[in-house]
């Protein structure tokens, strides 16, 4: 899998920082994240389903969804990843999320633990410097699905970034749920990052 680019958005304007990160995360020079993309025709691979139980971000390509907690909204198509199955951001807390699915048949044979480590090494390969090495969290399931989760932070485009990387095994697919924030907000956003990962689920349930 090729290295790729990532970005984050800082409050006070659409200032983007792009650098080699992981998994098709791409940067661009202008983003316009202040718009409300769910009210436009630029939703791409996803759409927002509004209901009494709250808003859900639903993939058009895979049977998955993400419940949008307060402060979270859909990102315009392709701004965080050109092929993401789901992409969202929380501008008030400077947090970003993408979900990428991959068939188990398309990756090197192995178990969930091995695949999660493969993805993590690709992520770290995009760092110019590792700030804190990967640490396994206690998360073993996302909803009812087996999961492996790591925290790691590294320097990207001369900026420190903190990542929460979760690999979820759902049927015949592996899903990477990647949440990131500027490293100086890592402690403040840790609970919110964990919480939004648990909103990822199977849309067919």
N, C-alpha and C. Protein backbone atom coordinates (compact mmCIF):
# COMPACT_ATOMS: atom_id res chain seq x y z
N UNK A 1 0.85 -1.19 0.00
CA UNK A 1 0.00 0.00 0.00
C UNK A 1 0.88 1.24 0.00
N UNK A 2 0.56 2.20 -0.83
CA UNK A 2 1.42 3.36 -0.98
C UNK A 2 1.26 4.33 0.17
N UNK A 3 2.34 5.03 0.48
CA UNK A 3 2.24 6.13 1.42
C UNK A 3 1.38 7.21 0.81
N UNK A 4 0.81 8.06 1.67
CA UNK A 4 -0.10 9.07 1.18
C UNK A 4 -0.10 10.26 2.11
N UNK A 5 -0.95 11.21 1.82
CA UNK A 5 -0.88 12.48 2.53
C UNK A 5 -2.05 12.68 3.47
N UNK A 6 -1.82 13.51 4.51
CA UNK A 6 -2.86 13.80 5.47
C UNK A 6 -2.87 15.27 5.78
N UNK A 7 -3.89 15.70 6.58
CA UNK A 7 -4.00 17.11 6.89
C UNK A 7 -4.75 17.27 8.18
N UNK A 8 -4.66 18.44 8.75
CA UNK A 8 -5.61 18.82 9.77
C UNK A 8 -5.93 20.30 9.62
N UNK A 9 -7.00 20.70 10.28
CA UNK A 9 -7.53 22.05 10.16
C UNK A 9 -7.40 22.73 11.51
N UNK A 10 -6.90 23.95 11.52
CA UNK A 10 -6.76 24.69 12.77
C UNK A 10 -7.85 25.73 12.87
N UNK A 11 -8.36 25.93 14.08
CA UNK A 11 -9.38 26.95 14.29
C UNK A 11 -8.86 28.31 13.86
N UNK A 12 -9.79 29.19 13.45
CA UNK A 12 -9.42 30.52 13.04
C UNK A 12 -9.27 30.65 11.54
N UNK A 13 -9.52 29.59 10.81
CA UNK A 13 -9.43 29.68 9.35
C UNK A 13 -8.96 28.38 8.76
N UNK A 14 -9.14 28.23 7.46
CA UNK A 14 -8.79 26.96 6.80
C UNK A 14 -7.30 26.83 6.53
N UNK A 15 -6.49 26.78 7.62
CA UNK A 15 -5.06 26.59 7.48
C UNK A 15 -4.78 25.10 7.50
N UNK A 16 -4.26 24.58 6.42
CA UNK A 16 -4.06 23.14 6.30
C UNK A 16 -2.59 22.81 6.35
N UNK A 17 -2.30 21.70 7.01
CA UNK A 17 -0.93 21.20 7.06
C UNK A 17 -0.92 19.83 6.41
N UNK A 18 -0.19 19.67 5.32
CA UNK A 18 -0.17 18.40 4.59
C UNK A 18 1.18 17.73 4.73
N UNK A 19 1.19 16.42 4.76
CA UNK A 19 2.44 15.68 4.82
C UNK A 19 2.17 14.21 4.62
N UNK A 20 3.21 13.42 4.49
CA UNK A 20 3.05 11.99 4.33
C UNK A 20 2.46 11.41 5.61
N UNK A 21 1.34 10.73 5.48
CA UNK A 21 0.75 10.12 6.65
C UNK A 21 0.42 8.67 6.38
N UNK A 22 -0.74 8.35 5.84
CA UNK A 22 -1.11 6.96 5.71
C UNK A 22 -2.37 6.77 4.90
N UNK A 23 -2.48 5.65 4.24
CA UNK A 23 -3.74 5.07 3.82
C UNK A 23 -4.58 5.96 2.93
N UNK A 24 -3.96 6.75 2.08
CA UNK A 24 -4.75 7.57 1.18
C UNK A 24 -5.24 8.87 1.77
N UNK A 25 -4.84 9.21 2.99
CA UNK A 25 -5.22 10.51 3.54
C UNK A 25 -4.52 11.58 2.73
N UNK A 26 -5.27 12.52 2.17
CA UNK A 26 -4.63 13.49 1.31
C UNK A 26 -4.85 14.90 1.79
N UNK A 27 -3.91 15.76 1.46
CA UNK A 27 -4.01 17.17 1.80
C UNK A 27 -4.31 18.00 0.58
N UNK A 28 -4.85 19.17 0.80
CA UNK A 28 -5.05 20.11 -0.28
C UNK A 28 -4.85 21.51 0.29
N UNK A 29 -4.65 22.47 -0.58
CA UNK A 29 -4.31 23.81 -0.10
C UNK A 29 -5.52 24.62 0.32
N UNK A 30 -6.67 24.33 -0.25
CA UNK A 30 -7.88 25.01 0.17
C UNK A 30 -8.96 23.97 0.36
N UNK A 31 -9.72 24.10 1.45
CA UNK A 31 -10.66 23.06 1.80
C UNK A 31 -12.08 23.54 1.99
N UNK A 32 -12.28 24.70 2.60
CA UNK A 32 -13.63 25.19 2.81
C UNK A 32 -14.41 24.36 3.80
N UNK A 33 -13.76 23.90 4.86
CA UNK A 33 -14.43 23.04 5.81
C UNK A 33 -15.48 23.78 6.64
N UNK A 34 -15.60 25.08 6.49
CA UNK A 34 -16.61 25.81 7.25
C UNK A 34 -18.00 25.63 6.66
N UNK A 35 -18.08 25.08 5.44
CA UNK A 35 -19.39 24.86 4.81
C UNK A 35 -20.12 23.70 5.47
N UNK A 36 -21.38 23.52 5.14
CA UNK A 36 -22.17 22.39 5.62
C UNK A 36 -22.36 21.43 4.47
N UNK A 37 -21.43 20.50 4.27
CA UNK A 37 -21.46 19.66 3.07
C UNK A 37 -22.67 18.77 2.98
N UNK A 38 -23.28 18.41 4.16
CA UNK A 38 -24.43 17.52 4.09
C UNK A 38 -25.63 18.19 3.43
N UNK A 39 -25.56 19.51 3.24
CA UNK A 39 -26.64 20.22 2.57
C UNK A 39 -26.27 20.55 1.13
N UNK A 40 -25.18 19.98 0.66
CA UNK A 40 -24.73 20.23 -0.70
C UNK A 40 -24.75 18.92 -1.48
N UNK A 41 -24.30 18.98 -2.72
CA UNK A 41 -24.25 17.77 -3.54
C UNK A 41 -22.84 17.21 -3.58
N UNK A 42 -22.01 17.54 -2.58
CA UNK A 42 -20.61 17.15 -2.59
C UNK A 42 -20.29 16.08 -1.55
N UNK A 43 -21.24 15.19 -1.31
CA UNK A 43 -21.07 14.19 -0.27
C UNK A 43 -20.29 12.97 -0.73
N UNK A 44 -20.16 12.76 -2.05
CA UNK A 44 -19.33 11.69 -2.56
C UNK A 44 -19.78 10.31 -2.12
N UNK A 45 -18.88 9.58 -1.44
CA UNK A 45 -19.13 8.20 -1.05
C UNK A 45 -20.02 8.06 0.18
N UNK A 46 -20.54 9.16 0.71
CA UNK A 46 -21.31 9.09 1.94
C UNK A 46 -22.49 10.04 1.89
N UNK A 47 -23.43 9.85 2.83
CA UNK A 47 -24.54 10.77 2.98
C UNK A 47 -24.95 10.81 4.44
N UNK A 48 -25.66 11.86 4.83
CA UNK A 48 -26.13 12.01 6.20
C UNK A 48 -27.59 11.60 6.28
N UNK A 49 -27.86 10.65 7.16
CA UNK A 49 -29.23 10.19 7.42
C UNK A 49 -29.68 10.81 8.73
N UNK A 50 -30.67 11.70 8.65
CA UNK A 50 -31.18 12.38 9.84
C UNK A 50 -32.37 11.63 10.39
N UNK A 51 -32.35 11.38 11.69
CA UNK A 51 -33.45 10.65 12.31
C UNK A 51 -33.63 11.09 13.75
N UNK A 52 -34.63 10.51 14.40
CA UNK A 52 -34.92 10.87 15.78
C UNK A 52 -33.79 10.49 16.72
N UNK A 53 -33.02 9.47 16.32
CA UNK A 53 -31.89 9.04 17.15
C UNK A 53 -30.62 9.82 16.89
N UNK A 54 -30.70 10.85 16.05
CA UNK A 54 -29.52 11.65 15.72
C UNK A 54 -29.08 11.42 14.29
N UNK A 55 -28.08 12.16 13.87
CA UNK A 55 -27.58 12.06 12.50
C UNK A 55 -26.57 10.92 12.38
N UNK A 56 -26.68 10.18 11.28
CA UNK A 56 -25.75 9.10 10.99
C UNK A 56 -25.09 9.37 9.64
N UNK A 57 -23.78 9.19 9.59
CA UNK A 57 -23.04 9.30 8.36
C UNK A 57 -22.95 7.89 7.77
N UNK A 58 -23.52 7.71 6.58
CA UNK A 58 -23.66 6.38 6.00
C UNK A 58 -22.86 6.29 4.71
N UNK A 59 -22.13 5.20 4.54
CA UNK A 59 -21.36 4.98 3.32
C UNK A 59 -22.28 4.53 2.19
N UNK A 60 -22.02 5.04 1.00
CA UNK A 60 -22.73 4.57 -0.19
C UNK A 60 -22.09 3.31 -0.77
N UNK A 61 -20.85 3.02 -0.36
CA UNK A 61 -20.08 1.94 -0.97
C UNK A 61 -20.01 0.68 -0.10
N UNK A 62 -20.08 0.86 1.21
CA UNK A 62 -19.93 -0.25 2.15
C UNK A 62 -21.10 -0.23 3.13
N UNK A 63 -21.41 -1.36 3.75
CA UNK A 63 -22.53 -1.42 4.70
C UNK A 63 -22.13 -0.92 6.09
N UNK A 64 -21.66 0.32 6.17
CA UNK A 64 -21.16 0.88 7.43
C UNK A 64 -21.72 2.27 7.66
N UNK A 65 -21.64 2.70 8.93
CA UNK A 65 -22.14 4.02 9.30
C UNK A 65 -21.39 4.53 10.52
N UNK A 66 -21.55 5.82 10.78
CA UNK A 66 -20.96 6.46 11.95
C UNK A 66 -21.99 7.43 12.51
N UNK A 67 -22.37 7.24 13.76
CA UNK A 67 -23.27 8.21 14.37
C UNK A 67 -22.48 9.48 14.67
N UNK A 68 -23.02 10.61 14.23
CA UNK A 68 -22.32 11.89 14.38
C UNK A 68 -22.67 12.50 15.74
N UNK A 69 -21.72 12.45 16.64
CA UNK A 69 -21.90 13.06 17.94
C UNK A 69 -21.92 14.58 17.79
N UNK A 70 -22.31 15.27 18.86
CA UNK A 70 -22.34 16.73 18.84
C UNK A 70 -20.98 17.29 18.45
N UNK A 71 -20.99 18.21 17.51
CA UNK A 71 -19.76 18.85 17.05
C UNK A 71 -19.16 18.21 15.81
N UNK A 72 -19.57 16.97 15.50
CA UNK A 72 -19.04 16.28 14.33
C UNK A 72 -19.93 16.50 13.12
N UNK A 73 -19.31 16.60 11.95
CA UNK A 73 -20.05 16.74 10.70
C UNK A 73 -19.29 16.06 9.57
N UNK A 74 -20.03 15.80 8.51
CA UNK A 74 -19.41 15.18 7.34
C UNK A 74 -18.41 16.14 6.72
N UNK A 75 -17.29 15.60 6.27
CA UNK A 75 -16.32 16.40 5.52
C UNK A 75 -16.69 16.36 4.04
N UNK A 76 -16.46 17.45 3.30
CA UNK A 76 -16.73 17.43 1.86
C UNK A 76 -15.97 16.30 1.18
N UNK A 77 -16.56 15.78 0.14
CA UNK A 77 -16.04 14.58 -0.52
C UNK A 77 -14.56 14.72 -0.88
N UNK A 78 -13.77 13.76 -0.44
CA UNK A 78 -12.38 13.68 -0.83
C UNK A 78 -11.44 14.63 -0.14
N UNK A 79 -11.90 15.43 0.82
CA UNK A 79 -11.01 16.40 1.44
C UNK A 79 -10.06 15.76 2.44
N UNK A 80 -10.48 14.70 3.08
CA UNK A 80 -9.59 13.99 4.00
C UNK A 80 -9.01 12.74 3.37
N UNK A 81 -9.72 12.19 2.41
CA UNK A 81 -9.26 10.99 1.72
C UNK A 81 -10.06 10.82 0.44
N UNK A 82 -9.41 10.65 -0.71
CA UNK A 82 -10.15 10.59 -1.97
C UNK A 82 -10.98 9.33 -2.13
N UNK A 83 -10.66 8.28 -1.38
CA UNK A 83 -11.41 7.03 -1.50
C UNK A 83 -11.99 6.58 -0.18
N UNK A 84 -12.10 7.48 0.79
CA UNK A 84 -12.63 7.11 2.11
C UNK A 84 -14.07 6.63 1.99
N UNK A 85 -14.39 5.65 2.79
CA UNK A 85 -15.78 5.21 2.87
C UNK A 85 -16.58 6.15 3.76
N UNK A 86 -15.94 6.72 4.76
CA UNK A 86 -16.54 7.75 5.60
C UNK A 86 -15.46 8.76 5.96
N UNK A 87 -15.81 10.04 6.02
CA UNK A 87 -14.86 11.06 6.47
C UNK A 87 -15.63 12.17 7.17
N UNK A 88 -15.14 12.54 8.35
CA UNK A 88 -15.84 13.52 9.19
C UNK A 88 -14.82 14.33 9.96
N UNK A 89 -15.28 15.45 10.52
CA UNK A 89 -14.38 16.27 11.32
C UNK A 89 -15.16 17.04 12.36
N UNK A 90 -14.46 17.47 13.40
CA UNK A 90 -15.02 18.28 14.47
C UNK A 90 -14.19 19.55 14.54
N UNK A 91 -14.66 20.65 13.92
CA UNK A 91 -13.84 21.86 13.83
C UNK A 91 -13.60 22.52 15.17
N UNK A 92 -14.51 22.38 16.13
CA UNK A 92 -14.34 23.02 17.43
C UNK A 92 -13.23 22.38 18.25
N UNK A 93 -13.02 21.08 18.04
CA UNK A 93 -12.01 20.37 18.81
C UNK A 93 -10.81 19.93 17.96
N UNK A 94 -10.77 20.36 16.71
CA UNK A 94 -9.64 20.03 15.82
C UNK A 94 -9.40 18.53 15.74
N UNK A 95 -10.46 17.78 15.47
CA UNK A 95 -10.35 16.33 15.32
C UNK A 95 -10.86 15.92 13.94
N UNK A 96 -10.25 14.88 13.40
CA UNK A 96 -10.57 14.40 12.06
C UNK A 96 -10.68 12.89 12.08
N UNK A 97 -11.52 12.35 11.21
CA UNK A 97 -11.75 10.91 11.18
C UNK A 97 -11.96 10.44 9.76
N UNK A 98 -11.35 9.32 9.41
CA UNK A 98 -11.66 8.63 8.17
C UNK A 98 -11.84 7.15 8.46
N UNK A 99 -12.68 6.53 7.65
CA UNK A 99 -12.85 5.07 7.69
C UNK A 99 -12.56 4.55 6.30
N UNK A 100 -11.68 3.56 6.23
CA UNK A 100 -11.32 2.94 4.95
C UNK A 100 -11.48 1.44 5.06
N UNK A 101 -12.24 0.87 4.14
CA UNK A 101 -12.45 -0.57 4.13
C UNK A 101 -11.59 -1.25 3.10
N UNK A 102 -11.20 -2.48 3.41
CA UNK A 102 -10.36 -3.26 2.50
C UNK A 102 -10.74 -4.73 2.66
N UNK A 103 -10.93 -5.41 1.56
CA UNK A 103 -11.27 -6.82 1.60
C UNK A 103 -10.15 -7.63 2.23
N UNK A 104 -10.51 -8.58 3.07
CA UNK A 104 -9.49 -9.44 3.67
C UNK A 104 -8.74 -10.23 2.60
N UNK A 105 -9.41 -10.50 1.49
CA UNK A 105 -8.76 -11.24 0.40
C UNK A 105 -7.69 -10.42 -0.30
N UNK A 106 -7.71 -9.09 -0.12
CA UNK A 106 -6.78 -8.21 -0.83
C UNK A 106 -5.49 -7.95 -0.05
N UNK A 107 -5.42 -8.43 1.19
CA UNK A 107 -4.23 -8.16 2.01
C UNK A 107 -3.48 -9.46 2.26
N UNK A 108 -2.27 -9.33 2.79
CA UNK A 108 -1.45 -10.50 3.11
C UNK A 108 -2.18 -11.37 4.12
N UNK A 109 -2.25 -12.67 3.89
CA UNK A 109 -2.95 -13.54 4.84
C UNK A 109 -2.39 -13.40 6.25
N UNK A 110 -3.28 -13.39 7.21
CA UNK A 110 -2.89 -13.26 8.60
C UNK A 110 -4.10 -12.96 9.45
N UNK A 111 -3.88 -12.80 10.74
CA UNK A 111 -5.00 -12.52 11.63
C UNK A 111 -5.17 -11.02 11.84
N UNK A 112 -6.15 -10.65 12.62
CA UNK A 112 -6.46 -9.24 12.85
C UNK A 112 -5.27 -8.51 13.48
N UNK A 113 -4.63 -9.14 14.44
CA UNK A 113 -3.49 -8.52 15.11
C UNK A 113 -2.38 -8.19 14.11
N UNK A 114 -2.08 -9.13 13.24
CA UNK A 114 -1.03 -8.93 12.24
C UNK A 114 -1.40 -7.83 11.27
N UNK A 115 -2.66 -7.80 10.84
CA UNK A 115 -3.08 -6.77 9.89
C UNK A 115 -3.05 -5.39 10.54
N UNK A 116 -3.48 -5.30 11.78
CA UNK A 116 -3.43 -4.02 12.48
C UNK A 116 -1.99 -3.51 12.58
N UNK A 117 -1.05 -4.40 12.85
CA UNK A 117 0.35 -4.00 12.92
C UNK A 117 0.87 -3.57 11.56
N UNK A 118 0.44 -4.24 10.49
CA UNK A 118 0.84 -3.81 9.14
C UNK A 118 0.38 -2.39 8.86
N UNK A 119 -0.87 -2.12 9.17
CA UNK A 119 -1.40 -0.77 8.94
C UNK A 119 -0.64 0.26 9.79
N UNK A 120 -0.33 -0.11 11.02
CA UNK A 120 0.36 0.81 11.91
C UNK A 120 1.75 1.14 11.39
N UNK A 121 2.45 0.15 10.85
CA UNK A 121 3.78 0.42 10.32
C UNK A 121 3.74 1.35 9.11
N UNK A 122 2.69 1.22 8.31
CA UNK A 122 2.52 2.14 7.18
C UNK A 122 2.30 3.56 7.70
N UNK A 123 1.47 3.69 8.72
CA UNK A 123 1.24 4.99 9.33
C UNK A 123 2.54 5.60 9.83
N UNK A 124 3.30 4.85 10.59
CA UNK A 124 4.55 5.37 11.15
C UNK A 124 5.57 5.68 10.07
N UNK A 125 5.49 4.95 8.95
CA UNK A 125 6.41 5.21 7.86
C UNK A 125 6.22 6.58 7.24
N UNK A 126 5.09 7.20 7.48
CA UNK A 126 4.85 8.53 6.96
C UNK A 126 5.33 9.64 7.88
N UNK A 127 5.81 9.28 9.07
CA UNK A 127 6.30 10.29 10.01
C UNK A 127 7.72 10.71 9.65
N UNK A 128 8.02 11.98 9.77
CA UNK A 128 9.42 12.40 9.69
C UNK A 128 10.13 12.10 11.00
N UNK A 129 9.36 11.98 12.08
CA UNK A 129 9.92 11.62 13.39
C UNK A 129 8.80 11.04 14.23
N UNK A 130 9.08 9.94 14.91
CA UNK A 130 8.11 9.37 15.86
C UNK A 130 8.26 10.11 17.18
N UNK A 131 7.17 10.68 17.68
CA UNK A 131 7.21 11.42 18.94
C UNK A 131 6.97 10.48 20.11
N UNK A 132 5.92 9.70 20.03
CA UNK A 132 5.67 8.66 21.02
C UNK A 132 5.38 7.37 20.27
N UNK A 133 6.05 6.30 20.64
CA UNK A 133 5.88 5.03 19.94
C UNK A 133 4.49 4.48 20.20
N UNK A 134 4.09 3.52 19.36
CA UNK A 134 2.74 3.00 19.47
C UNK A 134 2.50 2.35 20.83
N UNK A 135 1.29 2.55 21.33
CA UNK A 135 0.86 1.93 22.58
C UNK A 135 -0.49 1.28 22.35
N UNK A 136 -0.59 0.01 22.65
CA UNK A 136 -1.84 -0.72 22.50
C UNK A 136 -2.82 -0.26 23.58
N UNK A 137 -4.04 0.05 23.18
CA UNK A 137 -5.06 0.41 24.16
C UNK A 137 -5.78 -0.86 24.61
N UNK A 138 -6.71 -0.71 25.52
CA UNK A 138 -7.47 -1.85 26.00
C UNK A 138 -8.68 -2.20 25.14
N UNK A 139 -8.88 -1.46 24.06
CA UNK A 139 -10.04 -1.69 23.21
C UNK A 139 -9.86 -2.98 22.42
N UNK A 140 -10.79 -3.89 22.56
CA UNK A 140 -10.75 -5.16 21.82
C UNK A 140 -11.97 -5.35 20.93
N UNK A 141 -12.96 -4.47 21.08
CA UNK A 141 -14.15 -4.53 20.23
C UNK A 141 -14.66 -3.13 19.96
N UNK A 142 -15.18 -2.95 18.77
CA UNK A 142 -15.93 -1.73 18.43
C UNK A 142 -17.33 -2.21 18.13
N UNK A 143 -18.26 -1.80 18.99
CA UNK A 143 -19.57 -2.43 19.03
C UNK A 143 -19.33 -3.92 19.26
N UNK A 144 -19.84 -4.80 18.44
CA UNK A 144 -19.64 -6.23 18.70
C UNK A 144 -18.52 -6.83 17.86
N UNK A 145 -17.79 -6.00 17.13
CA UNK A 145 -16.80 -6.51 16.19
C UNK A 145 -15.39 -6.49 16.78
N UNK A 146 -14.59 -7.54 16.49
CA UNK A 146 -13.23 -7.59 17.00
C UNK A 146 -12.41 -6.40 16.48
N UNK A 147 -11.57 -5.86 17.36
CA UNK A 147 -10.79 -4.68 16.99
C UNK A 147 -9.45 -4.69 17.69
N UNK A 148 -8.48 -4.04 17.08
CA UNK A 148 -7.17 -3.80 17.66
C UNK A 148 -6.90 -2.31 17.52
N UNK A 149 -6.49 -1.69 18.62
CA UNK A 149 -6.35 -0.23 18.62
C UNK A 149 -5.01 0.20 19.20
N UNK A 150 -4.41 1.20 18.52
CA UNK A 150 -3.14 1.77 18.97
C UNK A 150 -3.22 3.29 19.02
N UNK A 151 -2.46 3.85 19.95
CA UNK A 151 -2.20 5.29 19.98
C UNK A 151 -0.76 5.49 19.54
N UNK A 152 -0.53 6.53 18.76
CA UNK A 152 0.83 6.85 18.32
C UNK A 152 0.84 8.31 17.90
N UNK A 153 1.98 8.96 18.02
CA UNK A 153 2.09 10.34 17.55
C UNK A 153 3.42 10.53 16.83
N UNK A 154 3.39 11.40 15.84
CA UNK A 154 4.59 11.65 15.06
C UNK A 154 4.57 13.01 14.42
N UNK A 155 5.72 13.40 13.92
CA UNK A 155 5.84 14.70 13.26
C UNK A 155 5.50 14.54 11.79
N UNK A 156 4.58 15.37 11.32
CA UNK A 156 4.14 15.35 9.94
C UNK A 156 4.20 16.78 9.41
N UNK A 157 4.97 16.99 8.35
CA UNK A 157 5.14 18.33 7.78
C UNK A 157 5.53 19.33 8.88
N UNK A 158 6.44 18.91 9.74
CA UNK A 158 7.00 19.73 10.82
C UNK A 158 5.97 20.08 11.88
N UNK A 159 4.88 19.32 11.94
CA UNK A 159 3.88 19.51 12.99
C UNK A 159 3.64 18.19 13.71
N UNK A 160 3.54 18.19 15.03
CA UNK A 160 3.26 16.97 15.77
C UNK A 160 1.77 16.64 15.73
N UNK A 161 1.47 15.40 15.41
CA UNK A 161 0.10 14.93 15.26
C UNK A 161 -0.09 13.66 16.08
N UNK A 162 -1.23 13.57 16.77
CA UNK A 162 -1.56 12.37 17.55
C UNK A 162 -2.65 11.59 16.82
N UNK A 163 -2.46 10.28 16.73
CA UNK A 163 -3.39 9.39 16.03
C UNK A 163 -3.94 8.33 16.97
N UNK A 164 -5.20 8.00 16.76
CA UNK A 164 -5.82 6.83 17.35
C UNK A 164 -6.22 5.95 16.17
N UNK A 165 -5.53 4.82 16.03
CA UNK A 165 -5.72 3.96 14.87
C UNK A 165 -6.37 2.65 15.31
N UNK A 166 -7.54 2.37 14.77
CA UNK A 166 -8.28 1.17 15.14
C UNK A 166 -8.54 0.33 13.89
N UNK A 167 -8.18 -0.93 13.94
CA UNK A 167 -8.49 -1.87 12.87
C UNK A 167 -9.64 -2.75 13.34
N UNK A 168 -10.72 -2.76 12.57
CA UNK A 168 -11.93 -3.49 12.93
C UNK A 168 -12.15 -4.60 11.89
N UNK A 169 -12.38 -5.80 12.37
CA UNK A 169 -12.70 -6.92 11.49
C UNK A 169 -14.21 -7.10 11.45
N UNK A 170 -14.78 -6.88 10.27
CA UNK A 170 -16.23 -6.94 10.12
C UNK A 170 -16.54 -7.82 8.91
N UNK A 171 -16.90 -9.06 9.16
CA UNK A 171 -17.17 -9.97 8.06
C UNK A 171 -15.91 -10.22 7.25
N UNK A 172 -16.01 -10.01 5.95
CA UNK A 172 -14.88 -10.23 5.05
C UNK A 172 -14.09 -8.96 4.78
N UNK A 173 -14.26 -7.95 5.61
CA UNK A 173 -13.57 -6.66 5.42
C UNK A 173 -12.78 -6.30 6.67
N UNK A 174 -11.65 -5.63 6.45
CA UNK A 174 -10.96 -4.91 7.50
C UNK A 174 -11.29 -3.43 7.32
N UNK A 175 -11.63 -2.76 8.41
CA UNK A 175 -11.88 -1.33 8.38
C UNK A 175 -10.88 -0.63 9.28
N UNK A 176 -10.25 0.40 8.74
CA UNK A 176 -9.39 1.26 9.53
C UNK A 176 -10.18 2.50 9.92
N UNK A 177 -10.32 2.70 11.21
CA UNK A 177 -10.97 3.90 11.74
C UNK A 177 -9.84 4.75 12.31
N UNK A 178 -9.49 5.82 11.62
CA UNK A 178 -8.34 6.63 11.98
C UNK A 178 -8.82 8.01 12.43
N UNK A 179 -8.50 8.36 13.67
CA UNK A 179 -8.84 9.67 14.22
C UNK A 179 -7.53 10.38 14.55
N UNK A 180 -7.45 11.67 14.22
CA UNK A 180 -6.22 12.41 14.55
C UNK A 180 -6.52 13.83 14.97
N UNK A 181 -5.55 14.42 15.68
CA UNK A 181 -5.67 15.76 16.24
C UNK A 181 -4.26 16.30 16.44
N UNK A 182 -4.06 17.61 16.49
CA UNK A 182 -2.73 18.13 16.83
C UNK A 182 -2.27 17.54 18.16
N UNK A 183 -1.00 17.24 18.25
CA UNK A 183 -0.49 16.53 19.43
C UNK A 183 -0.67 17.32 20.72
N UNK A 184 -0.69 18.65 20.64
CA UNK A 184 -0.88 19.43 21.86
C UNK A 184 -2.32 19.34 22.39
N UNK A 185 -3.23 18.77 21.59
CA UNK A 185 -4.60 18.55 22.04
C UNK A 185 -4.87 17.08 22.34
N UNK A 186 -3.82 16.27 22.31
CA UNK A 186 -4.00 14.83 22.49
C UNK A 186 -4.69 14.49 23.81
N UNK A 187 -4.21 15.04 24.90
CA UNK A 187 -4.80 14.72 26.20
C UNK A 187 -6.23 15.25 26.31
N UNK A 188 -6.44 16.47 25.84
CA UNK A 188 -7.77 17.08 25.93
C UNK A 188 -8.79 16.33 25.09
N UNK A 189 -8.35 15.78 23.96
CA UNK A 189 -9.29 15.12 23.03
C UNK A 189 -9.32 13.60 23.15
N UNK A 190 -8.54 13.05 24.07
CA UNK A 190 -8.42 11.59 24.15
C UNK A 190 -9.77 10.90 24.34
N UNK A 191 -10.57 11.38 25.26
CA UNK A 191 -11.87 10.76 25.51
C UNK A 191 -12.80 10.88 24.33
N UNK A 192 -12.81 12.04 23.69
CA UNK A 192 -13.69 12.26 22.54
C UNK A 192 -13.27 11.40 21.35
N UNK A 193 -11.96 11.20 21.19
CA UNK A 193 -11.48 10.36 20.09
C UNK A 193 -11.90 8.91 20.30
N UNK A 194 -11.78 8.43 21.53
CA UNK A 194 -12.22 7.08 21.83
C UNK A 194 -13.72 6.94 21.62
N UNK A 195 -14.45 7.94 22.04
CA UNK A 195 -15.91 7.88 21.97
C UNK A 195 -16.41 7.81 20.54
N UNK A 196 -15.83 8.61 19.65
CA UNK A 196 -16.33 8.63 18.27
C UNK A 196 -16.02 7.32 17.56
N UNK A 197 -14.92 6.67 17.90
CA UNK A 197 -14.61 5.38 17.29
C UNK A 197 -15.73 4.38 17.58
N UNK A 198 -16.27 4.43 18.79
CA UNK A 198 -17.32 3.49 19.18
C UNK A 198 -18.65 3.78 18.51
N UNK A 199 -18.74 4.87 17.77
CA UNK A 199 -19.96 5.16 17.01
C UNK A 199 -19.94 4.48 15.63
N UNK A 200 -18.82 3.86 15.28
CA UNK A 200 -18.70 3.15 14.01
C UNK A 200 -19.45 1.82 14.13
N UNK A 201 -20.27 1.51 13.13
CA UNK A 201 -21.06 0.27 13.21
C UNK A 201 -21.48 -0.21 11.83
N UNK A 202 -22.09 -1.37 11.84
CA UNK A 202 -22.65 -2.00 10.64
C UNK A 202 -23.99 -1.34 10.33
N UNK A 203 -24.13 -0.80 9.14
CA UNK A 203 -25.36 -0.09 8.77
C UNK A 203 -26.53 -1.04 8.55
N UNK A 204 -26.28 -2.32 8.45
CA UNK A 204 -27.34 -3.28 8.17
C UNK A 204 -28.02 -3.78 9.43
N UNK A 205 -27.51 -3.37 10.58
CA UNK A 205 -28.12 -3.83 11.83
C UNK A 205 -29.32 -2.97 12.21
